[in-house]
Amino acid sequence: VEFTDFFCLHCQEAHHAVTGPLLKDWVAYGKVRLESHPVAFLEDDSLRAAHAAMCAQEQHKYWEVREMLLQVPLHWSQEHKNGSVFNAPTLRRLAILAGLDLASFARCFQSGRHAVE
């Protein structure tokens, strides 16, 4: 069982060092089952990313979006100083890359229904 805040640099590092290889070497072959639960404990970016992942789950694309969220650079750069890392354009771009139905994704995201879980 994994609890991940997509805005957590340490969570991202753990994904690259542990979870990524675990998925590739064990889960892909059915040797291990991994449950992933997004959490939001840092900032609004945490909540937006977790909510986007759960909206993707409604279209059976959680794992694809989860992987993309964990690839977004979180080095506290100029991007973060100027606003959100997981802003609307970024999340829309990830939804497109994941092949989500954008209208359904937008309705889910705007509803906020997963933001309270």
Protein backbone atom coordinates (compact mmCIF):
# COMPACT_ATOMS: atom_id res chain seq x y z
CA VAL A 1 0.00 0.00 0.00
CA GLU A 2 1.35 3.35 -1.04
CA PHE A 3 0.17 6.78 0.08
CA THR A 4 1.57 9.49 -2.17
CA ASP A 5 1.35 13.25 -2.21
CA PHE A 6 2.17 14.19 -5.80
CA PHE A 7 3.54 17.54 -4.59
CA CYS A 8 5.97 15.89 -2.15
CA LEU A 9 9.54 15.83 -3.40
CA HIS A 10 10.41 12.89 -1.12
CA CYS A 11 7.40 10.94 -2.43
CA GLN A 12 8.60 11.60 -5.96
CA GLU A 13 12.11 10.47 -5.07
CA ALA A 14 10.72 7.30 -3.46
CA HIS A 15 8.75 6.59 -6.60
CA HIS A 16 11.85 6.80 -8.77
CA ALA A 17 13.98 4.75 -6.37
CA VAL A 18 11.51 2.15 -5.07
CA THR A 19 7.98 2.18 -6.46
CA GLY A 20 8.92 2.58 -10.13
CA PRO A 21 11.23 -0.44 -10.13
CA LEU A 22 8.72 -2.40 -8.02
CA LEU A 23 6.02 -1.76 -10.62
CA LYS A 24 8.31 -2.72 -13.49
CA ASP A 25 9.93 -5.76 -11.94
CA TRP A 26 7.21 -7.25 -9.73
CA VAL A 27 3.73 -5.82 -10.31
CA ALA A 28 3.97 -6.12 -14.10
CA TYR A 29 4.53 -9.87 -13.70
CA GLY A 30 1.78 -10.39 -11.14
CA LYS A 31 4.17 -11.20 -8.29
CA VAL A 32 3.06 -8.26 -6.14
CA ARG A 33 -0.09 -6.16 -5.96
CA LEU A 34 0.30 -2.46 -5.30
CA GLU A 35 -2.46 -0.21 -3.99
CA SER A 36 -1.89 3.49 -4.52
CA HIS A 37 -3.78 6.14 -2.59
CA PRO A 38 -3.24 9.83 -3.35
CA VAL A 39 -3.14 12.12 -0.35
CA ALA A 40 -2.93 15.88 -0.08
CA PHE A 41 -1.07 17.20 2.93
CA LEU A 42 1.22 19.93 1.63
CA GLU A 43 -0.45 22.71 -0.34
CA ASP A 44 -3.26 23.38 -2.79
CA ASP A 45 -1.08 21.77 -5.47
CA SER A 46 -1.31 18.50 -3.52
CA LEU A 47 -5.09 18.61 -3.54
CA ARG A 48 -5.35 19.54 -7.24
CA ALA A 49 -3.00 16.70 -8.25
CA ALA A 50 -4.74 14.09 -6.07
CA HIS A 51 -8.14 15.22 -7.35
CA ALA A 52 -6.94 15.01 -10.97
CA ALA A 53 -5.67 11.47 -10.37
CA MET A 54 -9.01 10.38 -8.94
CA CYS A 55 -10.89 12.00 -11.84
CA ALA A 56 -8.62 10.03 -14.16
CA GLN A 57 -9.57 6.89 -12.22
CA GLU A 58 -13.18 7.45 -13.30
CA GLN A 59 -11.93 6.82 -16.85
CA HIS A 60 -9.70 3.91 -15.77
CA LYS A 61 -6.54 5.97 -16.33
CA TYR A 62 -5.36 6.47 -12.73
CA TRP A 63 -2.03 4.72 -13.21
CA GLU A 64 -1.20 6.63 -16.39
CA VAL A 65 -1.95 10.01 -14.79
CA ARG A 66 -0.24 9.00 -11.54
CA GLU A 67 2.95 8.24 -13.45
CA MET A 68 2.81 11.59 -15.27
CA LEU A 69 2.16 13.53 -12.05
CA LEU A 70 5.23 11.90 -10.52
CA GLN A 71 7.32 13.07 -13.48
CA VAL A 72 6.48 16.77 -13.08
CA PRO A 73 9.61 18.57 -11.82
CA LEU A 74 9.13 19.72 -8.25
CA HIS A 75 12.43 21.49 -7.79
CA TRP A 76 11.26 24.58 -6.02
CA SER A 77 11.89 26.65 -9.08
CA GLN A 78 10.62 29.86 -10.56
CA GLU A 79 7.49 27.96 -11.61
CA HIS A 80 6.48 27.43 -8.00
CA LYS A 81 7.39 30.96 -6.96
CA ASN A 82 5.09 32.32 -9.66
CA GLY A 83 2.16 30.12 -8.78
CA SER A 84 0.95 26.58 -8.98
CA VAL A 85 2.91 23.64 -10.35
CA PHE A 86 -0.29 21.60 -10.86
CA ASN A 87 -2.26 24.40 -12.47
CA ALA A 88 -5.15 24.02 -14.92
CA PRO A 89 -3.00 24.08 -18.09
CA THR A 90 -0.62 21.44 -16.69
CA LEU A 91 -3.44 19.14 -15.58
CA ARG A 92 -5.22 19.58 -18.92
CA ARG A 93 -2.00 18.69 -20.77
CA LEU A 94 -1.62 15.54 -18.65
CA ALA A 95 -5.26 14.62 -19.31
CA ILE A 96 -4.68 14.95 -23.05
CA LEU A 97 -1.51 12.86 -22.89
CA ALA A 98 -3.34 10.17 -20.91
CA GLY A 99 -6.08 10.06 -23.54
CA LEU A 100 -8.84 11.18 -21.18
CA ASP A 101 -12.18 12.48 -22.37
CA LEU A 102 -11.53 16.14 -21.58
CA ALA A 103 -15.16 17.11 -21.06
CA SER A 104 -15.67 14.33 -18.51
CA PHE A 105 -12.38 15.13 -16.81
CA ALA A 106 -13.28 18.84 -16.61
CA ARG A 107 -16.74 18.08 -15.17
CA CYS A 108 -15.22 15.80 -12.54
CA PHE A 109 -12.48 18.23 -11.64
CA GLN A 110 -14.80 21.23 -11.43
CA SER A 111 -17.28 19.29 -9.29
CA GLY A 112 -14.65 18.81 -6.57
CA ARG A 113 -16.18 15.44 -5.70
CA HIS A 114 -12.82 13.77 -5.01
CA ALA A 115 -11.39 16.73 -3.16
CA VAL A 116 -13.33 15.77 -0.05
CA GLU A 117 -12.36 12.09 0.11
